[in-house]
């Protein structure tokens, strides 16, 4: 444990005869570790995922600073930014090739060779295949709309929006906050033939 800062350190020496001596104080600088995290845009398979880091390096003197930003995206891709490219490390993007959860890492190093790593799971969602069937097509009847949509087994459909073609729509949150799964199917009565 301990904190970063500037400390005055002395060495106290006592020999077997009880004679003592104290060294002159020497200044010791303990440099801070970078404090970091990052956010990313939610992404679907094939979309570009944008990464935005938050990096804080408390200063105790002018002899420190960020020297390297390294991104490991969890799929084997690594990007390192330093020197003239350092600023680019603050705004990076990546496109994942498979819809799964990845473990992304951000590592930041300083002039004083201190470094920190922040790790976050990145969920890349599968693209659902939207399709449906309808039955009962007489004016005044409730038309039944049955979802036949599919999605990869690693994902689930969270929301469906039915747009009925007459300006009306219905939104169904499949997994509402209160719990329990709702059906993606619905009924709708068209007020006029069309």
N, C-alpha and C. Protein backbone atom coordinates (compact mmCIF):
# COMPACT_ATOMS: atom_id res chain seq x y z
N UNK A 1 0.81 -1.17 0.00
CA UNK A 1 0.00 0.00 0.00
C UNK A 1 0.86 1.24 0.00
N UNK A 2 0.23 2.35 0.18
CA UNK A 2 0.94 3.61 0.23
C UNK A 2 0.42 4.56 -0.81
N UNK A 3 0.86 5.78 -0.68
CA UNK A 3 0.39 6.83 -1.58
C UNK A 3 1.56 7.41 -2.35
N UNK A 4 1.23 7.99 -3.49
CA UNK A 4 2.25 8.70 -4.25
C UNK A 4 2.51 10.04 -3.59
N UNK A 5 3.66 10.62 -3.88
CA UNK A 5 3.99 11.91 -3.33
C UNK A 5 5.49 12.07 -3.18
N UNK A 6 5.89 13.16 -2.53
CA UNK A 6 7.30 13.45 -2.30
C UNK A 6 7.56 13.24 -0.80
N UNK A 7 8.54 12.39 -0.51
CA UNK A 7 8.84 12.02 0.87
C UNK A 7 10.30 12.36 1.20
N UNK A 8 10.55 12.73 2.46
CA UNK A 8 11.90 12.95 2.96
C UNK A 8 12.29 11.70 3.76
N UNK A 9 13.31 10.97 3.30
CA UNK A 9 13.68 9.71 3.90
C UNK A 9 15.03 9.87 4.60
N UNK A 10 15.10 9.36 5.83
CA UNK A 10 16.37 9.34 6.57
C UNK A 10 16.67 7.91 6.99
N UNK A 11 17.95 7.66 7.23
CA UNK A 11 18.42 6.34 7.65
C UNK A 11 19.03 6.47 9.03
N UNK A 12 18.48 5.75 9.98
CA UNK A 12 18.97 5.77 11.37
C UNK A 12 19.77 4.51 11.60
N UNK A 13 21.01 4.69 12.10
CA UNK A 13 21.91 3.55 12.28
C UNK A 13 22.35 3.49 13.74
N UNK A 14 22.26 2.31 14.31
CA UNK A 14 22.74 2.07 15.67
C UNK A 14 23.62 0.84 15.63
N UNK A 15 24.87 0.97 16.16
CA UNK A 15 25.76 -0.20 16.16
C UNK A 15 25.61 -0.98 17.46
N UNK A 16 26.41 -2.03 17.63
CA UNK A 16 26.33 -2.91 18.79
C UNK A 16 26.69 -2.20 20.09
N UNK A 17 27.43 -1.10 20.01
CA UNK A 17 27.80 -0.35 21.21
C UNK A 17 26.77 0.72 21.57
N UNK A 18 25.71 0.84 20.76
CA UNK A 18 24.69 1.85 21.03
C UNK A 18 24.99 3.19 20.40
N UNK A 19 26.04 3.27 19.58
CA UNK A 19 26.34 4.52 18.89
C UNK A 19 25.37 4.69 17.74
N UNK A 20 24.87 5.90 17.55
CA UNK A 20 23.88 6.14 16.51
C UNK A 20 24.33 7.22 15.55
N UNK A 21 23.73 7.17 14.39
CA UNK A 21 23.97 8.20 13.39
C UNK A 21 22.73 8.27 12.52
N UNK A 22 22.46 9.44 12.01
CA UNK A 22 21.31 9.66 11.12
C UNK A 22 21.83 10.27 9.84
N UNK A 23 21.41 9.69 8.75
CA UNK A 23 21.84 10.22 7.45
C UNK A 23 21.14 11.53 7.17
N UNK A 24 21.70 12.32 6.26
CA UNK A 24 20.96 13.50 5.80
C UNK A 24 19.69 13.03 5.08
N UNK A 25 18.65 13.82 5.13
CA UNK A 25 17.39 13.47 4.45
C UNK A 25 17.60 13.48 2.95
N UNK A 26 17.00 12.49 2.30
CA UNK A 26 17.00 12.45 0.84
C UNK A 26 15.55 12.45 0.37
N UNK A 27 15.33 13.20 -0.70
CA UNK A 27 13.99 13.30 -1.25
C UNK A 27 13.70 12.06 -2.10
N UNK A 28 12.54 11.47 -1.86
CA UNK A 28 12.10 10.30 -2.63
C UNK A 28 10.76 10.64 -3.27
N UNK A 29 10.70 10.45 -4.56
CA UNK A 29 9.46 10.73 -5.29
C UNK A 29 8.80 9.41 -5.67
N UNK A 30 7.60 9.21 -5.17
CA UNK A 30 6.80 8.04 -5.53
C UNK A 30 5.76 8.53 -6.53
N UNK A 31 5.89 8.06 -7.76
CA UNK A 31 5.02 8.54 -8.83
C UNK A 31 3.71 7.75 -8.87
N UNK A 32 2.63 8.42 -9.23
CA UNK A 32 1.32 7.76 -9.22
C UNK A 32 1.13 6.81 -10.39
N UNK A 33 0.24 5.85 -10.19
CA UNK A 33 -0.21 5.00 -11.28
C UNK A 33 -1.31 5.74 -12.04
N UNK A 34 -1.37 5.55 -13.34
CA UNK A 34 -2.49 6.14 -14.08
C UNK A 34 -3.82 5.55 -13.58
N UNK A 35 -4.81 6.40 -13.43
CA UNK A 35 -6.16 5.96 -13.09
C UNK A 35 -6.94 5.93 -14.40
N UNK A 36 -7.53 4.76 -14.72
CA UNK A 36 -8.15 4.66 -16.03
C UNK A 36 -9.38 3.78 -16.05
N UNK A 37 -10.16 4.02 -17.07
CA UNK A 37 -11.33 3.22 -17.40
C UNK A 37 -11.64 3.52 -18.86
N UNK A 38 -12.63 2.85 -19.42
CA UNK A 38 -13.07 3.21 -20.76
C UNK A 38 -14.52 2.82 -20.95
N UNK A 39 -15.15 3.49 -21.89
CA UNK A 39 -16.50 3.17 -22.34
C UNK A 39 -16.43 2.79 -23.80
N UNK A 40 -17.46 2.11 -24.25
CA UNK A 40 -17.54 1.73 -25.66
C UNK A 40 -18.97 1.83 -26.12
N UNK A 41 -19.13 2.02 -27.41
CA UNK A 41 -20.48 2.06 -27.98
C UNK A 41 -20.99 0.63 -28.07
N UNK A 42 -22.25 0.42 -27.72
CA UNK A 42 -22.83 -0.91 -27.90
C UNK A 42 -22.79 -1.25 -29.37
N UNK A 43 -22.48 -2.49 -29.64
CA UNK A 43 -22.25 -2.84 -31.03
C UNK A 43 -22.92 -4.15 -31.40
N UNK A 44 -23.35 -4.17 -32.62
CA UNK A 44 -23.86 -5.40 -33.22
C UNK A 44 -22.79 -5.94 -34.15
N UNK A 45 -22.86 -7.20 -34.43
CA UNK A 45 -21.92 -7.85 -35.32
C UNK A 45 -21.78 -7.04 -36.61
N UNK A 46 -20.53 -6.75 -36.99
CA UNK A 46 -20.26 -6.01 -38.21
C UNK A 46 -20.19 -4.50 -38.02
N UNK A 47 -20.68 -3.99 -36.89
CA UNK A 47 -20.61 -2.55 -36.62
C UNK A 47 -19.22 -2.18 -36.11
N UNK A 48 -18.88 -0.93 -36.28
CA UNK A 48 -17.65 -0.40 -35.70
C UNK A 48 -17.92 -0.07 -34.23
N UNK A 49 -17.09 -0.59 -33.34
CA UNK A 49 -17.21 -0.30 -31.91
C UNK A 49 -16.22 0.81 -31.57
N UNK A 50 -16.72 1.88 -30.99
CA UNK A 50 -15.90 3.04 -30.63
C UNK A 50 -15.51 2.93 -29.16
N UNK A 51 -14.23 3.12 -28.86
CA UNK A 51 -13.71 3.07 -27.50
C UNK A 51 -13.24 4.46 -27.08
N UNK A 52 -13.66 4.89 -25.87
CA UNK A 52 -13.27 6.18 -25.35
C UNK A 52 -12.72 6.00 -23.93
N UNK A 53 -11.41 6.24 -23.74
CA UNK A 53 -10.85 6.07 -22.40
C UNK A 53 -10.99 7.32 -21.54
N UNK A 54 -10.97 7.09 -20.24
CA UNK A 54 -10.82 8.15 -19.25
C UNK A 54 -9.50 7.86 -18.56
N UNK A 55 -8.53 8.76 -18.73
CA UNK A 55 -7.19 8.56 -18.17
C UNK A 55 -6.85 9.76 -17.30
N UNK A 56 -6.48 9.49 -16.06
CA UNK A 56 -6.10 10.55 -15.13
C UNK A 56 -4.74 10.20 -14.54
N UNK A 57 -3.81 11.12 -14.64
CA UNK A 57 -2.49 10.94 -14.05
C UNK A 57 -2.21 12.14 -13.15
N UNK A 58 -2.37 11.96 -11.82
CA UNK A 58 -2.06 13.07 -10.93
C UNK A 58 -0.59 13.46 -11.07
N UNK A 59 -0.32 14.76 -11.05
CA UNK A 59 1.05 15.24 -11.24
C UNK A 59 1.67 15.61 -9.90
N UNK A 60 2.89 15.13 -9.66
CA UNK A 60 3.63 15.61 -8.49
C UNK A 60 4.80 16.48 -8.93
N UNK A 61 5.16 16.40 -10.22
CA UNK A 61 6.16 17.30 -10.78
C UNK A 61 6.09 17.20 -12.30
N UNK A 62 6.96 17.91 -12.97
CA UNK A 62 6.94 17.95 -14.44
C UNK A 62 7.68 16.77 -15.07
N UNK A 63 8.19 15.86 -14.26
CA UNK A 63 8.98 14.74 -14.78
C UNK A 63 8.15 13.49 -15.07
N UNK A 64 6.87 13.66 -15.25
CA UNK A 64 6.01 12.51 -15.52
C UNK A 64 5.01 12.87 -16.60
N UNK A 65 4.38 11.88 -17.14
CA UNK A 65 3.38 12.07 -18.18
C UNK A 65 3.07 10.74 -18.84
N UNK A 66 2.00 10.71 -19.61
CA UNK A 66 1.60 9.50 -20.34
C UNK A 66 2.54 9.31 -21.53
N UNK A 67 3.09 8.12 -21.66
CA UNK A 67 3.99 7.84 -22.79
C UNK A 67 3.44 6.79 -23.74
N UNK A 68 2.50 5.97 -23.25
CA UNK A 68 2.00 4.89 -24.12
C UNK A 68 0.58 4.51 -23.73
N UNK A 69 -0.25 4.30 -24.75
CA UNK A 69 -1.60 3.79 -24.59
C UNK A 69 -1.70 2.53 -25.44
N UNK A 70 -2.04 1.43 -24.79
CA UNK A 70 -2.10 0.14 -25.49
C UNK A 70 -3.50 -0.45 -25.34
N UNK A 71 -4.10 -0.80 -26.47
CA UNK A 71 -5.43 -1.42 -26.50
C UNK A 71 -5.28 -2.88 -26.94
N UNK A 72 -5.86 -3.78 -26.17
CA UNK A 72 -5.98 -5.19 -26.56
C UNK A 72 -7.47 -5.46 -26.62
N UNK A 73 -7.97 -5.77 -27.82
CA UNK A 73 -9.41 -5.85 -28.04
C UNK A 73 -10.02 -7.20 -27.69
N UNK A 74 -9.20 -8.17 -27.32
CA UNK A 74 -9.72 -9.46 -26.88
C UNK A 74 -9.88 -10.48 -27.99
N UNK A 75 -9.61 -10.08 -29.22
CA UNK A 75 -9.70 -11.01 -30.35
C UNK A 75 -8.33 -11.22 -31.00
N UNK A 76 -7.27 -10.87 -30.27
CA UNK A 76 -5.91 -11.00 -30.80
C UNK A 76 -5.36 -9.72 -31.40
N UNK A 77 -6.20 -8.72 -31.58
CA UNK A 77 -5.77 -7.44 -32.13
C UNK A 77 -5.23 -6.55 -31.01
N UNK A 78 -4.03 -6.01 -31.22
CA UNK A 78 -3.39 -5.11 -30.26
C UNK A 78 -2.97 -3.85 -31.01
N UNK A 79 -3.27 -2.68 -30.44
CA UNK A 79 -2.85 -1.41 -31.01
C UNK A 79 -2.13 -0.62 -29.92
N UNK A 80 -0.94 -0.13 -30.24
CA UNK A 80 -0.13 0.63 -29.29
C UNK A 80 0.13 2.02 -29.86
N UNK A 81 -0.08 3.03 -29.02
CA UNK A 81 0.10 4.42 -29.42
C UNK A 81 1.12 5.06 -28.49
N UNK A 82 2.15 5.69 -29.08
CA UNK A 82 3.17 6.40 -28.30
C UNK A 82 3.79 7.46 -29.20
N UNK A 83 4.53 8.37 -28.58
CA UNK A 83 5.20 9.41 -29.36
C UNK A 83 4.20 10.22 -30.16
N UNK A 84 4.46 10.33 -31.47
CA UNK A 84 3.62 11.14 -32.35
C UNK A 84 2.20 10.61 -32.49
N UNK A 85 1.97 9.30 -32.22
CA UNK A 85 0.63 8.73 -32.36
C UNK A 85 -0.14 8.66 -31.04
N UNK A 86 0.46 9.15 -29.94
CA UNK A 86 -0.17 9.01 -28.62
C UNK A 86 -1.60 9.55 -28.59
N UNK A 87 -1.85 10.70 -29.17
CA UNK A 87 -3.18 11.32 -29.14
C UNK A 87 -4.23 10.43 -29.80
N UNK A 88 -3.84 9.63 -30.78
CA UNK A 88 -4.79 8.73 -31.44
C UNK A 88 -5.32 7.65 -30.50
N UNK A 89 -4.56 7.33 -29.44
CA UNK A 89 -4.98 6.31 -28.49
C UNK A 89 -6.16 6.71 -27.63
N UNK A 90 -6.52 7.99 -27.67
CA UNK A 90 -7.65 8.47 -26.88
C UNK A 90 -8.98 8.31 -27.61
N UNK A 91 -8.97 7.87 -28.84
CA UNK A 91 -10.20 7.71 -29.61
C UNK A 91 -9.97 6.62 -30.64
N UNK A 92 -10.25 5.38 -30.26
CA UNK A 92 -9.98 4.26 -31.15
C UNK A 92 -11.27 3.53 -31.47
N UNK A 93 -11.24 2.78 -32.55
CA UNK A 93 -12.39 1.97 -32.95
C UNK A 93 -11.90 0.62 -33.42
N UNK A 94 -12.82 -0.35 -33.38
CA UNK A 94 -12.48 -1.72 -33.77
C UNK A 94 -13.74 -2.41 -34.26
N UNK A 95 -13.59 -3.26 -35.25
CA UNK A 95 -14.71 -4.06 -35.75
C UNK A 95 -14.44 -5.52 -35.43
N UNK A 96 -15.35 -6.13 -34.70
CA UNK A 96 -15.21 -7.54 -34.31
C UNK A 96 -15.82 -8.44 -35.37
N UNK A 97 -15.23 -9.63 -35.52
CA UNK A 97 -15.65 -10.53 -36.60
C UNK A 97 -16.62 -11.62 -36.15
N UNK A 98 -16.85 -11.75 -34.85
CA UNK A 98 -17.76 -12.76 -34.33
C UNK A 98 -18.60 -12.12 -33.22
N UNK A 99 -19.87 -12.49 -33.16
CA UNK A 99 -20.76 -11.95 -32.14
C UNK A 99 -20.66 -12.79 -30.86
N UNK A 100 -19.74 -12.37 -29.96
CA UNK A 100 -19.55 -13.00 -28.66
C UNK A 100 -19.12 -11.93 -27.67
N UNK A 101 -18.77 -12.34 -26.45
CA UNK A 101 -18.22 -11.42 -25.46
C UNK A 101 -16.71 -11.49 -25.50
N UNK A 102 -16.08 -10.33 -25.60
CA UNK A 102 -14.62 -10.22 -25.63
C UNK A 102 -14.17 -9.53 -24.34
N UNK A 103 -12.94 -9.78 -23.94
CA UNK A 103 -12.35 -9.09 -22.80
C UNK A 103 -11.32 -8.09 -23.35
N UNK A 104 -11.69 -6.82 -23.34
CA UNK A 104 -10.80 -5.77 -23.85
C UNK A 104 -9.97 -5.21 -22.70
N UNK A 105 -8.72 -4.83 -23.02
CA UNK A 105 -7.80 -4.29 -22.02
C UNK A 105 -7.23 -2.97 -22.50
N UNK A 106 -7.15 -2.03 -21.58
CA UNK A 106 -6.49 -0.76 -21.82
C UNK A 106 -5.32 -0.67 -20.84
N UNK A 107 -4.11 -0.51 -21.36
CA UNK A 107 -2.93 -0.35 -20.51
C UNK A 107 -2.29 0.99 -20.82
N UNK A 108 -2.01 1.76 -19.78
CA UNK A 108 -1.40 3.08 -19.93
C UNK A 108 -0.09 3.10 -19.15
N UNK A 109 0.98 3.55 -19.80
CA UNK A 109 2.30 3.64 -19.18
C UNK A 109 2.74 5.10 -19.11
N UNK A 110 3.62 5.38 -18.13
CA UNK A 110 4.07 6.75 -17.91
C UNK A 110 5.58 6.86 -18.13
N UNK A 111 6.04 8.10 -18.14
CA UNK A 111 7.46 8.40 -18.29
C UNK A 111 8.29 7.75 -17.19
N UNK A 112 7.71 7.60 -16.02
CA UNK A 112 8.42 7.00 -14.88
C UNK A 112 8.23 5.48 -14.85
N UNK A 113 7.79 4.89 -15.94
CA UNK A 113 7.58 3.44 -16.13
C UNK A 113 6.52 2.86 -15.21
N UNK A 114 5.62 3.68 -14.72
CA UNK A 114 4.46 3.18 -13.98
C UNK A 114 3.38 2.84 -15.00
N UNK A 115 2.61 1.78 -14.73
CA UNK A 115 1.55 1.44 -15.67
C UNK A 115 0.37 0.85 -14.93
N UNK A 116 -0.80 1.00 -15.54
CA UNK A 116 -2.06 0.45 -15.02
C UNK A 116 -2.80 -0.20 -16.17
N UNK A 117 -3.61 -1.20 -15.84
CA UNK A 117 -4.44 -1.89 -16.84
C UNK A 117 -5.88 -1.90 -16.36
N UNK A 118 -6.79 -1.61 -17.27
CA UNK A 118 -8.23 -1.67 -17.00
C UNK A 118 -8.83 -2.69 -17.97
N UNK A 119 -9.65 -3.60 -17.45
CA UNK A 119 -10.24 -4.68 -18.26
C UNK A 119 -11.76 -4.56 -18.20
N UNK A 120 -12.39 -4.74 -19.36
CA UNK A 120 -13.86 -4.69 -19.41
C UNK A 120 -14.35 -5.70 -20.46
N UNK A 121 -15.47 -6.36 -20.15
CA UNK A 121 -16.08 -7.26 -21.13
C UNK A 121 -16.84 -6.44 -22.17
N UNK A 122 -16.66 -6.80 -23.42
CA UNK A 122 -17.30 -6.13 -24.55
C UNK A 122 -18.25 -7.13 -25.19
N UNK A 123 -19.53 -6.83 -25.17
CA UNK A 123 -20.53 -7.73 -25.74
C UNK A 123 -20.87 -7.27 -27.14
N UNK A 124 -20.59 -8.13 -28.11
CA UNK A 124 -20.95 -7.86 -29.50
C UNK A 124 -22.16 -8.72 -29.82
N UNK A 125 -23.26 -8.07 -30.12
CA UNK A 125 -24.53 -8.76 -30.32
C UNK A 125 -24.69 -9.31 -31.73
N UNK A 126 -25.39 -10.42 -31.78
CA UNK A 126 -25.72 -11.04 -33.08
C UNK A 126 -26.86 -10.26 -33.74
N UNK A 127 -26.91 -10.31 -35.04
CA UNK A 127 -27.98 -9.65 -35.80
C UNK A 127 -29.17 -10.62 -35.88
N UNK A 128 -30.33 -10.22 -35.36
CA UNK A 128 -31.49 -11.11 -35.48
C UNK A 128 -32.01 -11.13 -36.92
N UNK A 129 -32.63 -12.22 -37.28
CA UNK A 129 -33.29 -12.32 -38.58
C UNK A 129 -34.77 -12.10 -38.33
N UNK A 130 -35.28 -10.95 -38.75
CA UNK A 130 -36.67 -10.58 -38.49
C UNK A 130 -37.58 -11.18 -39.56
N UNK A 131 -38.60 -11.88 -39.10
CA UNK A 131 -39.63 -12.41 -40.01
C UNK A 131 -40.89 -12.69 -39.21
N UNK A 132 -42.02 -12.77 -39.91
CA UNK A 132 -43.29 -13.03 -39.22
C UNK A 132 -44.30 -13.63 -40.19
N UNK A 133 -45.36 -14.17 -39.62
CA UNK A 133 -46.53 -14.65 -40.36
C UNK A 133 -47.74 -13.91 -39.83
N UNK A 134 -48.75 -13.75 -40.70
CA UNK A 134 -49.99 -13.10 -40.29
C UNK A 134 -51.16 -13.98 -40.72
N UNK A 135 -52.25 -13.90 -39.95
CA UNK A 135 -53.46 -14.65 -40.30
C UNK A 135 -54.68 -13.76 -40.07
N UNK A 136 -55.79 -14.08 -40.73
CA UNK A 136 -57.08 -13.37 -40.66
C UNK A 136 -56.94 -12.02 -41.35
N UNK A 137 -57.55 -11.93 -42.50
CA UNK A 137 -57.36 -10.72 -43.30
C UNK A 137 -58.66 -10.01 -43.63
N UNK A 138 -59.71 -10.15 -42.81
CA UNK A 138 -60.99 -9.49 -43.08
C UNK A 138 -61.10 -8.22 -42.26
N UNK A 139 -61.71 -7.20 -42.87
CA UNK A 139 -61.88 -5.93 -42.16
C UNK A 139 -62.66 -6.17 -40.88
N UNK A 140 -62.18 -5.54 -39.80
CA UNK A 140 -62.84 -5.68 -38.50
C UNK A 140 -62.32 -6.84 -37.68
N UNK A 141 -61.61 -7.79 -38.31
CA UNK A 141 -61.04 -8.91 -37.56
C UNK A 141 -59.68 -8.48 -36.97
N UNK A 142 -59.35 -9.09 -35.85
CA UNK A 142 -58.03 -8.88 -35.27
C UNK A 142 -57.05 -9.75 -36.05
N UNK A 143 -56.12 -9.09 -36.74
CA UNK A 143 -55.10 -9.83 -37.49
C UNK A 143 -54.06 -10.29 -36.47
N UNK A 144 -53.74 -11.56 -36.53
CA UNK A 144 -52.73 -12.12 -35.63
C UNK A 144 -51.37 -12.07 -36.31
N UNK A 145 -50.41 -11.47 -35.65
CA UNK A 145 -49.04 -11.40 -36.15
C UNK A 145 -48.17 -12.30 -35.27
N UNK A 146 -47.55 -13.29 -35.90
CA UNK A 146 -46.74 -14.28 -35.19
C UNK A 146 -45.28 -14.09 -35.61
N UNK A 147 -44.43 -13.81 -34.64
CA UNK A 147 -43.00 -13.65 -34.91
C UNK A 147 -42.37 -15.01 -35.21
N UNK A 148 -41.63 -15.07 -36.30
CA UNK A 148 -40.82 -16.25 -36.62
C UNK A 148 -39.34 -15.85 -36.67
N UNK A 149 -39.02 -14.77 -35.98
CA UNK A 149 -37.65 -14.24 -35.97
C UNK A 149 -36.71 -15.19 -35.25
N UNK A 150 -35.45 -15.14 -35.66
CA UNK A 150 -34.43 -15.98 -35.03
C UNK A 150 -33.21 -15.13 -34.70
N UNK A 151 -32.42 -15.66 -33.78
CA UNK A 151 -31.17 -15.00 -33.39
C UNK A 151 -30.22 -16.10 -32.92
N UNK A 152 -28.94 -15.81 -32.93
CA UNK A 152 -27.94 -16.79 -32.48
C UNK A 152 -28.27 -17.24 -31.05
N UNK A 153 -27.95 -18.50 -30.71
CA UNK A 153 -28.26 -18.99 -29.37
C UNK A 153 -27.56 -18.23 -28.24
N UNK A 154 -26.49 -17.50 -28.56
CA UNK A 154 -25.78 -16.75 -27.53
C UNK A 154 -26.45 -15.42 -27.22
N UNK A 155 -27.48 -15.05 -27.96
CA UNK A 155 -28.17 -13.77 -27.76
C UNK A 155 -29.65 -14.00 -27.52
N UNK A 156 -30.34 -12.94 -27.22
CA UNK A 156 -31.79 -13.00 -27.07
C UNK A 156 -32.37 -11.71 -27.65
N UNK A 157 -33.59 -11.80 -28.10
CA UNK A 157 -34.27 -10.62 -28.64
C UNK A 157 -34.85 -9.85 -27.46
N UNK A 158 -34.51 -8.58 -27.35
CA UNK A 158 -34.92 -7.76 -26.21
C UNK A 158 -36.17 -6.94 -26.50
N UNK A 159 -36.37 -6.53 -27.76
CA UNK A 159 -37.49 -5.66 -28.09
C UNK A 159 -37.92 -5.93 -29.53
N UNK A 160 -39.24 -5.89 -29.73
CA UNK A 160 -39.77 -5.93 -31.09
C UNK A 160 -40.64 -4.71 -31.30
N UNK A 161 -40.64 -4.22 -32.53
CA UNK A 161 -41.51 -3.11 -32.90
C UNK A 161 -42.33 -3.56 -34.10
N UNK A 162 -43.62 -3.58 -33.91
CA UNK A 162 -44.53 -3.90 -35.00
C UNK A 162 -45.00 -2.58 -35.61
N UNK A 163 -44.76 -2.39 -36.90
CA UNK A 163 -45.27 -1.22 -37.63
C UNK A 163 -46.29 -1.77 -38.61
N UNK A 164 -47.55 -1.35 -38.44
CA UNK A 164 -48.66 -1.99 -39.13
C UNK A 164 -48.96 -1.41 -40.50
N UNK A 165 -48.19 -0.45 -40.96
CA UNK A 165 -48.34 0.06 -42.32
C UNK A 165 -49.37 1.16 -42.45
N UNK A 166 -50.10 1.47 -41.38
CA UNK A 166 -51.10 2.54 -41.43
C UNK A 166 -50.73 3.70 -40.51
N UNK A 167 -49.46 3.76 -40.11
CA UNK A 167 -49.00 4.79 -39.20
C UNK A 167 -49.02 4.36 -37.74
N UNK A 168 -49.61 3.22 -37.46
CA UNK A 168 -49.67 2.71 -36.08
C UNK A 168 -48.50 1.77 -35.84
N UNK A 169 -48.10 1.69 -34.59
CA UNK A 169 -47.06 0.74 -34.22
C UNK A 169 -47.28 0.27 -32.79
N UNK A 170 -46.64 -0.85 -32.46
CA UNK A 170 -46.66 -1.38 -31.10
C UNK A 170 -45.25 -1.82 -30.75
N UNK A 171 -44.77 -1.40 -29.58
CA UNK A 171 -43.45 -1.78 -29.10
C UNK A 171 -43.63 -2.78 -27.96
N UNK A 172 -42.92 -3.90 -28.05
CA UNK A 172 -42.98 -4.91 -27.00
C UNK A 172 -41.56 -5.16 -26.50
N UNK A 173 -41.33 -4.83 -25.23
CA UNK A 173 -40.07 -5.18 -24.59
C UNK A 173 -40.20 -6.61 -24.10
N UNK A 174 -39.42 -7.51 -24.72
CA UNK A 174 -39.54 -8.94 -24.43
C UNK A 174 -39.15 -9.25 -22.99
N UNK A 175 -38.09 -8.62 -22.50
CA UNK A 175 -37.66 -8.82 -21.12
C UNK A 175 -37.80 -7.49 -20.39
N UNK A 176 -39.00 -7.20 -19.88
CA UNK A 176 -39.18 -5.92 -19.18
C UNK A 176 -38.43 -5.92 -17.85
N UNK A 177 -38.24 -4.73 -17.33
CA UNK A 177 -37.50 -4.55 -16.07
C UNK A 177 -38.14 -5.35 -14.94
N UNK A 178 -39.44 -5.47 -14.94
CA UNK A 178 -40.13 -6.16 -13.85
C UNK A 178 -39.92 -7.66 -13.88
N UNK A 179 -39.29 -8.19 -14.92
CA UNK A 179 -39.01 -9.63 -14.99
C UNK A 179 -40.08 -10.36 -15.79
N UNK A 180 -39.76 -11.58 -16.15
CA UNK A 180 -40.68 -12.37 -16.94
C UNK A 180 -40.56 -12.06 -18.41
N UNK A 181 -40.83 -13.06 -19.22
CA UNK A 181 -40.71 -12.89 -20.67
C UNK A 181 -42.08 -12.66 -21.27
N UNK A 182 -42.19 -11.64 -22.12
CA UNK A 182 -43.42 -11.37 -22.84
C UNK A 182 -43.34 -11.99 -24.23
N UNK A 183 -44.48 -12.21 -24.83
CA UNK A 183 -44.52 -12.76 -26.18
C UNK A 183 -44.25 -11.66 -27.20
N UNK A 184 -43.50 -11.96 -28.26
CA UNK A 184 -43.29 -10.98 -29.32
C UNK A 184 -44.48 -10.90 -30.29
N UNK A 185 -45.47 -11.76 -30.10
CA UNK A 185 -46.62 -11.81 -31.00
C UNK A 185 -47.66 -10.78 -30.58
N UNK A 186 -48.52 -10.40 -31.53
CA UNK A 186 -49.54 -9.40 -31.21
C UNK A 186 -50.73 -9.55 -32.14
N UNK A 187 -51.75 -8.75 -31.87
CA UNK A 187 -52.93 -8.65 -32.73
C UNK A 187 -53.18 -7.19 -33.02
N UNK A 188 -53.81 -6.93 -34.19
CA UNK A 188 -54.13 -5.55 -34.54
C UNK A 188 -55.37 -5.56 -35.42
N UNK A 189 -56.26 -4.62 -35.16
CA UNK A 189 -57.49 -4.46 -35.97
C UNK A 189 -57.30 -3.22 -36.83
N UNK A 190 -57.33 -3.42 -38.15
CA UNK A 190 -57.20 -2.29 -39.08
C UNK A 190 -58.56 -1.58 -39.15
N UNK A 191 -58.54 -0.28 -38.97
CA UNK A 191 -59.82 0.46 -38.93
C UNK A 191 -60.48 0.58 -40.33
N UNK A 192 -59.67 0.56 -41.38
CA UNK A 192 -60.23 0.66 -42.73
C UNK A 192 -59.54 -0.37 -43.61
N UNK A 193 -60.21 -0.83 -44.67
CA UNK A 193 -59.55 -1.76 -45.57
C UNK A 193 -58.39 -1.07 -46.29
N UNK A 194 -57.39 -1.85 -46.66
CA UNK A 194 -56.26 -1.23 -47.35
C UNK A 194 -55.40 -2.25 -48.03
